[in-house]
Every structure is written in C-alpha cells, then in structure tokens.
PDB file of N, CA and C in Angstrom:
ATOM      1  N   UNK A   1      86.428  45.310  64.276  1.00  0.00           N
ATOM      2  CA  UNK A   1      86.141  46.343  65.250  1.00  0.00           C
ATOM      3  C   UNK A   1      84.669  46.254  65.645  1.00  0.00           C
ATOM      4  N   UNK A   2      84.394  46.435  66.928  1.00  0.00           N
ATOM      5  CA  UNK A   2      83.015  46.439  67.421  1.00  0.00           C
ATOM      6  C   UNK A   2      82.521  47.885  67.521  1.00  0.00           C
ATOM      7  N   UNK A   3      81.416  48.142  66.836  1.00  0.00           N
ATOM      8  CA  UNK A   3      80.842  49.482  66.800  1.00  0.00           C
ATOM      9  C   UNK A   3      79.455  49.440  67.432  1.00  0.00           C
ATOM     10  N   UNK A   4      79.240  50.227  68.476  1.00  0.00           N
ATOM     11  CA  UNK A   4      77.930  50.347  69.111  1.00  0.00           C
ATOM     12  C   UNK A   4      77.169  51.479  68.420  1.00  0.00           C
ATOM     13  N   UNK A   5      75.910  51.199  68.062  1.00  0.00           N
ATOM     14  CA  UNK A   5      75.098  52.201  67.367  1.00  0.00           C
ATOM     15  C   UNK A   5      73.738  52.265  68.038  1.00  0.00           C
ATOM     16  N   UNK A   6      73.303  53.468  68.406  1.00  0.00           N
ATOM     17  CA  UNK A   6      71.973  53.629  68.994  1.00  0.00           C
ATOM     18  C   UNK A   6      70.940  53.470  67.883  1.00  0.00           C
ATOM     19  N   UNK A   7      69.855  52.753  68.189  1.00  0.00           N
ATOM     20  CA  UNK A   7      68.896  52.401  67.150  1.00  0.00           C
ATOM     21  C   UNK A   7      67.456  52.433  67.653  1.00  0.00           C
ATOM     22  N   UNK A   8      66.542  52.706  66.731  1.00  0.00           N
ATOM     23  CA  UNK A   8      65.116  52.660  67.056  1.00  0.00           C
ATOM     24  C   UNK A   8      64.556  51.262  66.860  1.00  0.00           C
ATOM     25  N   UNK A   9      65.314  50.391  66.185  1.00  0.00           N
ATOM     26  CA  UNK A   9      64.842  49.038  65.895  1.00  0.00           C
ATOM     27  C   UNK A   9      65.927  48.006  66.083  1.00  0.00           C
ATOM     28  N   UNK A  10      65.610  46.781  65.668  1.00  0.00           N
ATOM     29  CA  UNK A  10      66.470  45.641  65.954  1.00  0.00           C
ATOM     30  C   UNK A  10      67.269  45.132  64.767  1.00  0.00           C
ATOM     31  N   UNK A  11      67.397  45.932  63.687  1.00  0.00           N
ATOM     32  CA  UNK A  11      68.191  45.452  62.558  1.00  0.00           C
ATOM     33  C   UNK A  11      69.021  46.572  61.953  1.00  0.00           C
ATOM     34  N   UNK A  12      69.891  46.216  61.034  1.00  0.00           N
ATOM     35  CA  UNK A  12      70.831  47.175  60.452  1.00  0.00           C
ATOM     36  C   UNK A  12      70.160  48.276  59.641  1.00  0.00           C
ATOM     37  N   UNK A  13      68.949  48.023  59.163  1.00  0.00           N
ATOM     38  CA  UNK A  13      68.245  49.027  58.366  1.00  0.00           C
ATOM     39  C   UNK A  13      67.311  49.905  59.200  1.00  0.00           C
ATOM     40  N   UNK A  14      67.372  49.749  60.508  1.00  0.00           N
ATOM     41  CA  UNK A  14      66.584  50.600  61.411  1.00  0.00           C
ATOM     42  C   UNK A  14      67.211  51.987  61.467  1.00  0.00           C
ATOM     43  N   UNK A  15      66.376  53.024  61.595  1.00  0.00           N
ATOM     44  CA  UNK A  15      66.933  54.366  61.787  1.00  0.00           C
ATOM     45  C   UNK A  15      67.671  54.450  63.116  1.00  0.00           C
ATOM     46  N   UNK A  16      68.717  55.242  63.126  1.00  0.00           N
ATOM     47  CA  UNK A  16      69.427  55.478  64.379  1.00  0.00           C
ATOM     48  C   UNK A  16      68.524  56.222  65.345  1.00  0.00           C
ATOM     49  N   UNK A  17      68.719  55.994  66.622  1.00  0.00           N
ATOM     50  CA  UNK A  17      68.048  56.758  67.668  1.00  0.00           C
ATOM     51  C   UNK A  17      69.038  57.844  68.073  1.00  0.00           C
ATOM     52  N   UNK A  18      68.650  59.126  68.012  1.00  0.00           N
ATOM     53  CA  UNK A  18      69.610  60.188  68.337  1.00  0.00           C
ATOM     54  C   UNK A  18      70.012  60.223  69.807  1.00  0.00           C
ATOM     55  N   UNK A  19      69.224  59.588  70.669  1.00  0.00           N
ATOM     56  CA  UNK A  19      69.527  59.579  72.102  1.00  0.00           C
ATOM     57  C   UNK A  19      70.466  58.431  72.404  1.00  0.00           C
ATOM     58  N   UNK A  20      71.365  58.623  73.339  1.00  0.00           N
ATOM     59  CA  UNK A  20      72.232  57.509  73.738  1.00  0.00           C
ATOM     60  C   UNK A  20      71.615  56.740  74.897  1.00  0.00           C
ATOM     61  N   UNK A  21      71.566  57.326  76.054  1.00  0.00           N
ATOM     62  CA  UNK A  21      71.105  56.618  77.243  1.00  0.00           C
ATOM     63  C   UNK A  21      69.687  56.117  77.168  1.00  0.00           C
ATOM     64  N   UNK A  22      68.848  56.811  76.435  1.00  0.00           N
ATOM     65  CA  UNK A  22      67.442  56.430  76.345  1.00  0.00           C
ATOM     66  C   UNK A  22      67.061  55.880  74.964  1.00  0.00           C
ATOM     67  N   UNK A  23      68.050  55.449  74.200  1.00  0.00           N
ATOM     68  CA  UNK A  23      67.774  54.812  72.908  1.00  0.00           C
ATOM     69  C   UNK A  23      67.001  53.519  73.142  1.00  0.00           C
ATOM     70  N   UNK A  24      66.117  53.181  72.227  1.00  0.00           N
ATOM     71  CA  UNK A  24      65.338  51.950  72.364  1.00  0.00           C
ATOM     72  C   UNK A  24      66.246  50.719  72.351  1.00  0.00           C
ATOM     73  N   UNK A  25      67.209  50.723  71.437  1.00  0.00           N
ATOM     74  CA  UNK A  25      68.130  49.594  71.300  1.00  0.00           C
ATOM     75  C   UNK A  25      69.530  50.122  71.026  1.00  0.00           C
ATOM     76  N   UNK A  26      70.500  49.295  71.313  1.00  0.00           N
ATOM     77  CA  UNK A  26      71.873  49.571  70.925  1.00  0.00           C
ATOM     78  C   UNK A  26      72.360  48.321  70.206  1.00  0.00           C
ATOM     79  N   UNK A  27      72.794  48.487  68.960  1.00  0.00           N
ATOM     80  CA  UNK A  27      73.314  47.361  68.199  1.00  0.00           C
ATOM     81  C   UNK A  27      74.834  47.373  68.286  1.00  0.00           C
ATOM     82  N   UNK A  28      75.405  46.230  68.565  1.00  0.00           N
ATOM     83  CA  UNK A  28      76.859  46.060  68.573  1.00  0.00           C
ATOM     84  C   UNK A  28      77.201  45.371  67.249  1.00  0.00           C
ATOM     85  N   UNK A  29      77.841  46.112  66.352  1.00  0.00           N
ATOM     86  CA  UNK A  29      78.081  45.629  64.989  1.00  0.00           C
ATOM     87  C   UNK A  29      79.570  45.340  64.795  1.00  0.00           C
ATOM     88  N   UNK A  30      79.872  44.169  64.231  1.00  0.00           N
ATOM     89  CA  UNK A  30      81.233  43.833  63.839  1.00  0.00           C
ATOM     90  C   UNK A  30      81.454  44.467  62.470  1.00  0.00           C
ATOM     91  N   UNK A  31      82.333  45.438  62.385  1.00  0.00           N
ATOM     92  CA  UNK A  31      82.503  46.187  61.138  1.00  0.00           C
ATOM     93  C   UNK A  31      83.107  45.337  60.017  1.00  0.00           C
ATOM     94  N   UNK A  32      83.730  44.223  60.341  1.00  0.00           N
ATOM     95  CA  UNK A  32      84.313  43.359  59.316  1.00  0.00           C
ATOM     96  C   UNK A  32      83.273  42.447  58.671  1.00  0.00           C
ATOM     97  N   UNK A  33      82.366  41.926  59.480  1.00  0.00           N
ATOM     98  CA  UNK A  33      81.397  40.940  58.979  1.00  0.00           C
ATOM     99  C   UNK A  33      79.969  41.473  58.912  1.00  0.00           C
ATOM    100  N   UNK A  34      79.705  42.586  59.578  1.00  0.00           N
ATOM    101  CA  UNK A  34      78.375  43.176  59.729  1.00  0.00           C
ATOM    102  C   UNK A  34      77.439  42.291  60.567  1.00  0.00           C
ATOM    103  N   UNK A  35      77.993  41.290  61.237  1.00  0.00           N
ATOM    104  CA  UNK A  35      77.212  40.531  62.210  1.00  0.00           C
ATOM    105  C   UNK A  35      76.925  41.476  63.373  1.00  0.00           C
ATOM    106  N   UNK A  36      75.782  41.301  64.019  1.00  0.00           N
ATOM    107  CA  UNK A  36      75.437  42.227  65.095  1.00  0.00           C
ATOM    108  C   UNK A  36      74.668  41.544  66.208  1.00  0.00           C
ATOM    109  N   UNK A  37      74.737  42.186  67.365  1.00  0.00           N
ATOM    110  CA  UNK A  37      73.992  41.764  68.549  1.00  0.00           C
ATOM    111  C   UNK A  37      73.104  42.931  68.959  1.00  0.00           C
ATOM    112  N   UNK A  38      71.874  42.627  69.338  1.00  0.00           N
ATOM    113  CA  UNK A  38      70.928  43.659  69.759  1.00  0.00           C
ATOM    114  C   UNK A  38      70.884  43.713  71.276  1.00  0.00           C
ATOM    115  N   UNK A  39      71.118  44.908  71.820  1.00  0.00           N
ATOM    116  CA  UNK A  39      70.975  45.126  73.256  1.00  0.00           C
ATOM    117  C   UNK A  39      69.671  45.889  73.473  1.00  0.00           C
ATOM    118  N   UNK A  40      68.769  45.292  74.229  1.00  0.00           N
ATOM    119  CA  UNK A  40      67.504  45.952  74.550  1.00  0.00           C
ATOM    120  C   UNK A  40      67.771  46.946  75.672  1.00  0.00           C
ATOM    121  N   UNK A  41      67.509  48.204  75.414  1.00  0.00           N
ATOM    122  CA  UNK A  41      67.803  49.265  76.382  1.00  0.00           C
ATOM    123  C   UNK A  41      66.541  49.720  77.115  1.00  0.00           C
ATOM    124  N   UNK A  42      65.497  48.891  77.119  1.00  0.00           N
ATOM    125  CA  UNK A  42      64.200  49.271  77.706  1.00  0.00           C
ATOM    126  C   UNK A  42      64.321  49.695  79.164  1.00  0.00           C
ATOM    127  N   UNK A  43      65.209  49.060  79.912  1.00  0.00           N
ATOM    128  CA  UNK A  43      65.357  49.384  81.325  1.00  0.00           C
ATOM    129  C   UNK A  43      65.791  50.837  81.515  1.00  0.00           C
ATOM    130  N   UNK A  44      66.572  51.357  80.574  1.00  0.00           N
ATOM    131  CA  UNK A  44      67.079  52.718  80.700  1.00  0.00           C
ATOM    132  C   UNK A  44      66.165  53.773  80.074  1.00  0.00           C
ATOM    133  N   UNK A  45      65.272  53.372  79.179  1.00  0.00           N
ATOM    134  CA  UNK A  45      64.427  54.333  78.475  1.00  0.00           C
ATOM    135  C   UNK A  45      63.637  55.198  79.449  1.00  0.00           C
ATOM    136  N   UNK A  46      63.099  54.583  80.487  1.00  0.00           N
ATOM    137  CA  UNK A  46      62.281  55.328  81.447  1.00  0.00           C
ATOM    138  C   UNK A  46      62.958  55.524  82.797  1.00  0.00           C
ATOM    139  N   UNK A  47      64.258  55.346  82.836  1.00  0.00           N
ATOM    140  CA  UNK A  47      64.984  55.513  84.097  1.00  0.00           C
ATOM    141  C   UNK A  47      64.896  56.956  84.579  1.00  0.00           C
ATOM    142  N   UNK A  48      64.768  57.129  85.882  1.00  0.00           N
ATOM    143  CA  UNK A  48      64.695  58.469  86.456  1.00  0.00           C
ATOM    144  C   UNK A  48      65.994  59.225  86.202  1.00  0.00           C
ATOM    145  N   UNK A  49      67.126  58.554  86.442  1.00  0.00           N
ATOM    146  CA  UNK A  49      68.428  59.141  86.143  1.00  0.00           C
ATOM    147  C   UNK A  49      69.437  58.016  85.971  1.00  0.00           C
ATOM    148  N   UNK A  50      70.594  58.345  85.413  1.00  0.00           N
ATOM    149  CA  UNK A  50      71.643  57.359  85.234  1.00  0.00           C
ATOM    150  C   UNK A  50      71.526  56.508  83.983  1.00  0.00           C
ATOM    151  N   UNK A  51      70.587  56.853  83.090  1.00  0.00           N
ATOM    152  CA  UNK A  51      70.383  56.045  81.885  1.00  0.00           C
ATOM    153  C   UNK A  51      71.642  55.987  81.023  1.00  0.00           C
ATOM    154  N   UNK A  52      72.298  57.119  80.842  1.00  0.00           N
ATOM    155  CA  UNK A  52      73.501  57.158  80.015  1.00  0.00           C
ATOM    156  C   UNK A  52      74.636  56.351  80.601  1.00  0.00           C
ATOM    157  N   UNK A  53      74.803  56.442  81.906  1.00  0.00           N
ATOM    158  CA  UNK A  53      75.868  55.690  82.568  1.00  0.00           C
ATOM    159  C   UNK A  53      75.621  54.191  82.421  1.00  0.00           C
ATOM    160  N   UNK A  54      74.378  53.760  82.644  1.00  0.00           N
ATOM    161  CA  UNK A  54      74.055  52.338  82.531  1.00  0.00           C
ATOM    162  C   UNK A  54      74.235  51.841  81.094  1.00  0.00           C
ATOM    163  N   UNK A  55      73.834  52.644  80.116  1.00  0.00           N
ATOM    164  CA  UNK A  55      74.017  52.259  78.709  1.00  0.00           C
ATOM    165  C   UNK A  55      75.503  52.187  78.373  1.00  0.00           C
ATOM    166  N   UNK A  56      76.285  53.109  78.921  1.00  0.00           N
ATOM    167  CA  UNK A  56      77.731  53.102  78.688  1.00  0.00           C
ATOM    168  C   UNK A  56      78.366  51.836  79.256  1.00  0.00           C
ATOM    169  N   UNK A  57      77.930  51.426  80.430  1.00  0.00           N
ATOM    170  CA  UNK A  57      78.446  50.199  81.039  1.00  0.00           C
ATOM    171  C   UNK A  57      78.081  48.993  80.163  1.00  0.00           C
ATOM    172  N   UNK A  58      76.855  48.981  79.629  1.00  0.00           N
ATOM    173  CA  UNK A  58      76.428  47.870  78.767  1.00  0.00           C
ATOM    174  C   UNK A  58      77.341  47.719  77.554  1.00  0.00           C
ATOM    175  N   UNK A  59      77.627  48.824  76.874  1.00  0.00           N
ATOM    176  CA  UNK A  59      78.444  48.693  75.661  1.00  0.00           C
ATOM    177  C   UNK A  59      79.912  48.446  75.993  1.00  0.00           C
ATOM    178  N   UNK A  60      80.343  48.940  77.129  1.00  0.00           N
ATOM    179  CA  UNK A  60      81.707  48.646  77.578  1.00  0.00           C
ATOM    180  C   UNK A  60      81.850  47.156  77.870  1.00  0.00           C
ATOM    181  N   UNK A  61      80.847  46.578  78.509  1.00  0.00           N
ATOM    182  CA  UNK A  61      80.857  45.144  78.813  1.00  0.00           C
ATOM    183  C   UNK A  61      80.903  44.302  77.539  1.00  0.00           C
ATOM    184  N   UNK A  62      80.369  44.833  76.445  1.00  0.00           N
ATOM    185  CA  UNK A  62      80.376  44.125  75.156  1.00  0.00           C
ATOM    186  C   UNK A  62      81.653  44.403  74.367  1.00  0.00           C
ATOM    187  N   UNK A  63      82.573  45.146  74.976  1.00  0.00           N
ATOM    188  CA  UNK A  63      83.890  45.445  74.379  1.00  0.00           C
ATOM    189  C   UNK A  63      83.794  46.264  73.096  1.00  0.00           C
ATOM    190  N   UNK A  64      82.826  47.193  73.044  1.00  0.00           N
ATOM    191  CA  UNK A  64      82.720  48.078  71.881  1.00  0.00           C
ATOM    192  C   UNK A  64      83.926  49.011  71.837  1.00  0.00           C
ATOM    193  N   UNK A  65      84.401  49.286  70.637  1.00  0.00           N
ATOM    194  CA  UNK A  65      85.529  50.193  70.439  1.00  0.00           C
ATOM    195  C   UNK A  65      85.079  51.635  70.265  1.00  0.00           C
ATOM    196  N   UNK A  66      83.892  51.808  69.688  1.00  0.00           N
ATOM    197  CA  UNK A  66      83.394  53.138  69.383  1.00  0.00           C
ATOM    198  C   UNK A  66      81.874  53.140  69.498  1.00  0.00           C
ATOM    199  N   UNK A  67      81.316  54.295  69.826  1.00  0.00           N
ATOM    200  CA  UNK A  67      79.868  54.503  69.886  1.00  0.00           C
ATOM    201  C   UNK A  67      79.485  55.520  68.821  1.00  0.00           C
ATOM    202  N   UNK A  68      78.484  55.176  68.008  1.00  0.00           N
ATOM    203  CA  UNK A  68      77.905  56.115  67.052  1.00  0.00           C
ATOM    204  C   UNK A  68      76.514  56.460  67.552  1.00  0.00           C
ATOM    205  N   UNK A  69      76.269  57.752  67.787  1.00  0.00           N
ATOM    206  CA  UNK A  69      74.991  58.185  68.331  1.00  0.00           C
ATOM    207  C   UNK A  69      74.721  59.613  67.889  1.00  0.00           C
ATOM    208  N   UNK A  70      73.599  60.137  68.312  1.00  0.00           N
ATOM    209  CA  UNK A  70      73.295  61.536  68.035  1.00  0.00           C
ATOM    210  C   UNK A  70      73.846  62.424  69.141  1.00  0.00           C
ATOM    211  N   UNK A  71      73.405  62.143  70.375  1.00  0.00           N
ATOM    212  CA  UNK A  71      73.765  62.991  71.507  1.00  0.00           C
ATOM    213  C   UNK A  71      74.227  62.156  72.690  1.00  0.00           C
ATOM    214  N   UNK A  72      75.286  62.627  73.334  1.00  0.00           N
ATOM    215  CA  UNK A  72      75.847  61.930  74.490  1.00  0.00           C
ATOM    216  C   UNK A  72      76.128  62.967  75.574  1.00  0.00           C
ATOM    217  N   UNK A  73      75.529  62.763  76.750  1.00  0.00           N
ATOM    218  CA  UNK A  73      75.687  63.703  77.853  1.00  0.00           C
ATOM    219  C   UNK A  73      76.999  63.515  78.604  1.00  0.00           C
ATOM    220  N   UNK A  74      77.277  64.422  79.540  1.00  0.00           N
ATOM    221  CA  UNK A  74      78.571  64.430  80.219  1.00  0.00           C
ATOM    222  C   UNK A  74      78.882  63.201  81.073  1.00  0.00           C
ATOM    223  N   UNK A  75      77.912  62.694  81.813  1.00  0.00           N
ATOM    224  CA  UNK A  75      78.190  61.537  82.670  1.00  0.00           C
ATOM    225  C   UNK A  75      78.433  60.286  81.845  1.00  0.00           C
ATOM    226  N   UNK A  76      77.615  60.083  80.827  1.00  0.00           N
ATOM    227  CA  UNK A  76      77.816  58.938  79.936  1.00  0.00           C
ATOM    228  C   UNK A  76      79.154  59.076  79.212  1.00  0.00           C
ATOM    229  N   UNK A  77      79.468  60.286  78.772  1.00  0.00           N
ATOM    230  CA  UNK A  77      80.721  60.514  78.052  1.00  0.00           C
ATOM    231  C   UNK A  77      81.913  60.158  78.932  1.00  0.00           C
ATOM    232  N   UNK A  78      81.886  60.585  80.198  1.00  0.00           N
ATOM    233  CA  UNK A  78      82.984  60.273  81.127  1.00  0.00           C
ATOM    234  C   UNK A  78      83.126  58.768  81.329  1.00  0.00           C
ATOM    235  N   UNK A  79      81.993  58.088  81.428  1.00  0.00           N
ATOM    236  CA  UNK A  79      82.008  56.637  81.618  1.00  0.00           C
ATOM    237  C   UNK A  79      82.594  55.946  80.388  1.00  0.00           C
ATOM    238  N   UNK A  80      82.195  56.391  79.207  1.00  0.00           N
ATOM    239  CA  UNK A  80      82.729  55.819  77.963  1.00  0.00           C
ATOM    240  C   UNK A  80      84.222  56.096  77.826  1.00  0.00           C
ATOM    241  N   UNK A  81      84.603  57.316  78.153  1.00  0.00           N
ATOM    242  CA  UNK A  81      86.010  57.713  78.073  1.00  0.00           C
ATOM    243  C   UNK A  81      86.864  56.842  79.009  1.00  0.00           C
ATOM    244  N   UNK A  82      86.365  56.595  80.211  1.00  0.00           N
ATOM    245  CA  UNK A  82      87.083  55.765  81.184  1.00  0.00           C
ATOM    246  C   UNK A  82      87.229  54.326  80.687  1.00  0.00           C
ATOM    247  N   UNK A  83      86.265  53.885  79.862  1.00  0.00           N
ATOM    248  CA  UNK A  83      86.304  52.519  79.323  1.00  0.00           C
ATOM    249  C   UNK A  83      87.018  52.459  77.972  1.00  0.00           C
ATOM    250  N   UNK A  84      87.611  53.578  77.556  1.00  0.00           N
ATOM    251  CA  UNK A  84      88.330  53.672  76.273  1.00  0.00           C
ATOM    252  C   UNK A  84      87.423  53.430  75.060  1.00  0.00           C
ATOM    253  N   UNK A  85      86.153  53.813  75.191  1.00  0.00           N
ATOM    254  CA  UNK A  85      85.225  53.739  74.058  1.00  0.00           C
ATOM    255  C   UNK A  85      85.183  55.121  73.423  1.00  0.00           C
ATOM    256  N   UNK A  86      85.539  55.206  72.147  1.00  0.00           N
ATOM    257  CA  UNK A  86      85.494  56.482  71.432  1.00  0.00           C
ATOM    258  C   UNK A  86      84.043  56.818  71.109  1.00  0.00           C
ATOM    259  N   UNK A  87      83.745  58.112  70.983  1.00  0.00           N
ATOM    260  CA  UNK A  87      82.369  58.558  70.748  1.00  0.00           C
ATOM    261  C   UNK A  87      82.300  59.435  69.505  1.00  0.00           C
ATOM    262  N   UNK A  88      81.331  59.134  68.660  1.00  0.00           N
ATOM    263  CA  UNK A  88      81.014  59.985  67.517  1.00  0.00           C
ATOM    264  C   UNK A  88      79.581  60.453  67.701  1.00  0.00           C
ATOM    265  N   UNK A  89      79.390  61.772  67.818  1.00  0.00           N
ATOM    266  CA  UNK A  89      78.062  62.333  67.988  1.00  0.00           C
ATOM    267  C   UNK A  89      77.560  62.953  66.700  1.00  0.00           C
ATOM    268  N   UNK A  90      76.301  63.354  66.701  1.00  0.00           N
ATOM    269  CA  UNK A  90      75.659  63.977  65.540  1.00  0.00           C
ATOM    270  C   UNK A  90      75.642  63.055  64.336  1.00  0.00           C
ATOM    271  N   UNK A  91      75.576  61.746  64.571  1.00  0.00           N
ATOM    272  CA  UNK A  91      75.501  60.768  63.492  1.00  0.00           C
ATOM    273  C   UNK A  91      74.028  60.463  63.242  1.00  0.00           C
ATOM    274  N   UNK A  92      73.652  60.292  61.977  1.00  0.00           N
ATOM    275  CA  UNK A  92      72.259  59.998  61.648  1.00  0.00           C
ATOM    276  C   UNK A  92      72.197  59.008  60.499  1.00  0.00           C
ATOM    277  N   UNK A  93      70.993  58.640  60.100  1.00  0.00           N
ATOM    278  CA  UNK A  93      70.775  57.646  59.047  1.00  0.00           C
ATOM    279  C   UNK A  93      70.397  56.315  59.663  1.00  0.00           C
ATOM    280  N   UNK A  94      70.537  55.253  58.881  1.00  0.00           N
ATOM    281  CA  UNK A  94      70.273  53.917  59.416  1.00  0.00           C
ATOM    282  C   UNK A  94      71.537  53.415  60.115  1.00  0.00           C
ATOM    283  N   UNK A  95      71.384  52.343  60.856  1.00  0.00           N
ATOM    284  CA  UNK A  95      72.537  51.746  61.527  1.00  0.00           C
ATOM    285  C   UNK A  95      73.575  51.351  60.484  1.00  0.00           C
ATOM    286  N   UNK A  96      73.129  50.717  59.400  1.00  0.00           N
ATOM    287  CA  UNK A  96      74.040  50.276  58.340  1.00  0.00           C
ATOM    288  C   UNK A  96      74.800  51.463  57.734  1.00  0.00           C
ATOM    289  N   UNK A  97      74.081  52.558  57.452  1.00  0.00           N
ATOM    290  CA  UNK A  97      74.702  53.755  56.871  1.00  0.00           C
ATOM    291  C   UNK A  97      75.727  54.367  57.827  1.00  0.00           C
ATOM    292  N   UNK A  98      75.392  54.370  59.126  1.00  0.00           N
ATOM    293  CA  UNK A  98      76.300  54.944  60.122  1.00  0.00           C
ATOM    294  C   UNK A  98      77.595  54.139  60.207  1.00  0.00           C
ATOM    295  N   UNK A  99      77.486  52.827  60.217  1.00  0.00           N
ATOM    296  CA  UNK A  99      78.678  51.978  60.288  1.00  0.00           C
ATOM    297  C   UNK A  99      79.526  52.185  59.034  1.00  0.00           C
ATOM    298  N   UNK A 100      78.884  52.213  57.869  1.00  0.00           N
ATOM    299  CA  UNK A 100      79.617  52.423  56.617  1.00  0.00           C
ATOM    300  C   UNK A 100      80.324  53.770  56.623  1.00  0.00           C
ATOM    301  N   UNK A 101      79.642  54.805  57.104  1.00  0.00           N
ATOM    302  CA  UNK A 101      80.246  56.143  57.161  1.00  0.00           C
ATOM    303  C   UNK A 101      81.463  56.138  58.080  1.00  0.00           C
ATOM    304  N   UNK A 102      81.364  55.440  59.217  1.00  0.00           N
ATOM    305  CA  UNK A 102      82.495  55.376  60.136  1.00  0.00           C
ATOM    306  C   UNK A 102      83.671  54.636  59.494  1.00  0.00           C
ATOM    307  N   UNK A 103      83.395  53.491  58.901  1.00  0.00           N
ATOM    308  CA  UNK A 103      84.443  52.692  58.273  1.00  0.00           C
ATOM    309  C   UNK A 103      85.127  53.480  57.144  1.00  0.00           C
ATOM    310  N   UNK A 104      84.341  54.276  56.423  1.00  0.00           N
ATOM    311  CA  UNK A 104      84.881  55.078  55.313  1.00  0.00           C
ATOM    312  C   UNK A 104      85.583  56.354  55.783  1.00  0.00           C
ATOM    313  N   UNK A 105      85.598  56.594  57.096  1.00  0.00           N
ATOM    314  CA  UNK A 105      86.263  57.781  57.631  1.00  0.00           C
ATOM    315  C   UNK A 105      85.453  59.054  57.523  1.00  0.00           C
ATOM    316  N   UNK A 106      84.126  58.914  57.390  1.00  0.00           N
ATOM    317  CA  UNK A 106      83.260  60.085  57.227  1.00  0.00           C
ATOM    318  C   UNK A 106      82.507  60.467  58.490  1.00  0.00           C
ATOM    319  N   UNK A 107      82.986  60.002  59.629  1.00  0.00           N
ATOM    320  CA  UNK A 107      82.366  60.316  60.916  1.00  0.00           C
ATOM    321  C   UNK A 107      83.448  60.918  61.808  1.00  0.00           C
ATOM    322  N   UNK A 108      83.116  61.999  62.470  1.00  0.00           N
ATOM    323  CA  UNK A 108      84.072  62.684  63.330  1.00  0.00           C
ATOM    324  C   UNK A 108      83.884  62.272  64.788  1.00  0.00           C
ATOM    325  N   UNK A 109      84.959  61.872  65.410  1.00  0.00           N
ATOM    326  CA  UNK A 109      84.912  61.557  66.841  1.00  0.00           C
ATOM    327  C   UNK A 109      84.878  62.858  67.628  1.00  0.00           C
ATOM    328  N   UNK A 110      84.196  62.842  68.771  1.00  0.00           N
ATOM    329  CA  UNK A 110      84.096  64.046  69.602  1.00  0.00           C
ATOM    330  C   UNK A 110      84.991  63.897  70.829  1.00  0.00           C
ATOM    331  N   UNK A 111      85.437  65.026  71.337  1.00  0.00           N
ATOM    332  CA  UNK A 111      86.302  64.993  72.515  1.00  0.00           C
ATOM    333  C   UNK A 111      85.601  65.530  73.761  1.00  0.00           C
ATOM    334  N   UNK A 112      84.349  65.967  73.574  1.00  0.00           N
ATOM    335  CA  UNK A 112      83.547  66.455  74.693  1.00  0.00           C
ATOM    336  C   UNK A 112      82.105  66.023  74.473  1.00  0.00           C
ATOM    337  N   UNK A 113      81.285  65.992  75.524  1.00  0.00           N
ATOM    338  CA  UNK A 113      79.871  65.646  75.360  1.00  0.00           C
ATOM    339  C   UNK A 113      79.188  66.690  74.462  1.00  0.00           C
ATOM    340  N   UNK A 114      78.131  66.241  73.772  1.00  0.00           N
ATOM    341  CA  UNK A 114      77.388  67.193  72.928  1.00  0.00           C
ATOM    342  C   UNK A 114      75.941  67.338  73.380  1.00  0.00           C
ATOM    343  N   UNK A 115      75.682  66.991  74.630  1.00  0.00           N
ATOM    344  CA  UNK A 115      74.356  67.172  75.225  1.00  0.00           C
ATOM    345  C   UNK A 115      74.541  67.526  76.683  1.00  0.00           C
ATOM    346  N   UNK A 116      73.571  68.225  77.235  1.00  0.00           N
ATOM    347  CA  UNK A 116      73.618  68.557  78.652  1.00  0.00           C
ATOM    348  C   UNK A 116      73.162  67.367  79.477  1.00  0.00           C
ATOM    349  N   UNK A 117      73.626  67.295  80.700  1.00  0.00           N
ATOM    350  CA  UNK A 117      73.188  66.253  81.604  1.00  0.00           C
ATOM    351  C   UNK A 117      71.756  66.486  82.039  1.00  0.00           C
ATOM    352  N   UNK A 118      71.099  65.427  82.486  1.00  0.00           N
ATOM    353  CA  UNK A 118      69.725  65.533  82.977  1.00  0.00           C
ATOM    354  C   UNK A 118      69.762  65.490  84.500  1.00  0.00           C
ATOM    355  N   UNK A 119      69.161  66.420  85.133  1.00  0.00           N
ATOM    356  CA  UNK A 119      69.188  66.478  86.591  1.00  0.00           C
ATOM    357  C   UNK A 119      67.891  66.117  87.133  1.00  0.00           C
TER     358      UNK A 119
END
C-alpha cells in the first residue's frame, strides 16, 4: 500500500508537518517495504491559493492509497475524495511512527475536512 505522509524533512524519522497543502515535503511510503519517495512541495508552500488542491493532485498522480496528515481543508479533501485517496487527519509523530500507527490500525480515517479553507 502507498501511504502519503506530510513531512518537515526528507526521511522517515522526520517529524510530520501538520499542514497538508503547505507541508514542506510529502513522502510516499510503501507500507510493505518502507521504501519511500520524497515529493518536494516547495511550489505550494507559498502559493497564494490552491496549495491543497495541487498537493492532492501530486499524491494522486503517485497512486497513494491514503494520506496521513494533521489538517486537510475542504477543497483538498474533495480532490482527494474524487481520486479515491483516503484521509487520516490529526496524525502526529515522525513519518515512520505515523505509517506504523496506520498499519497497526491505530489511525482513524476522516469523512470530512478538519480545517477551514483559505480564501
């Protein structure tokens, strides 16, 4: 399974970034092997608007099955939902800890956004 995790750094021991659209990096982790790919999200960090939608498209293009993050706004959530990417919000710790928690069934998927949109 491919798990997208918002991150402040480029490795599995980096702390998660609680922001989705404006996270510094998004790691795409293979939950079976723990191999990962780093997506640099710098273009979206300072975007005027649409950061969440663009980040959602990036992880959808990488065929992620689920997103682990802190907060996900309504537009990004709709985009992820349309791409059949499940979302788990309010996740914290390192990227490695978040993936382990998800695999162990200790992460709750959300059915609605848990952040307000930015206008």
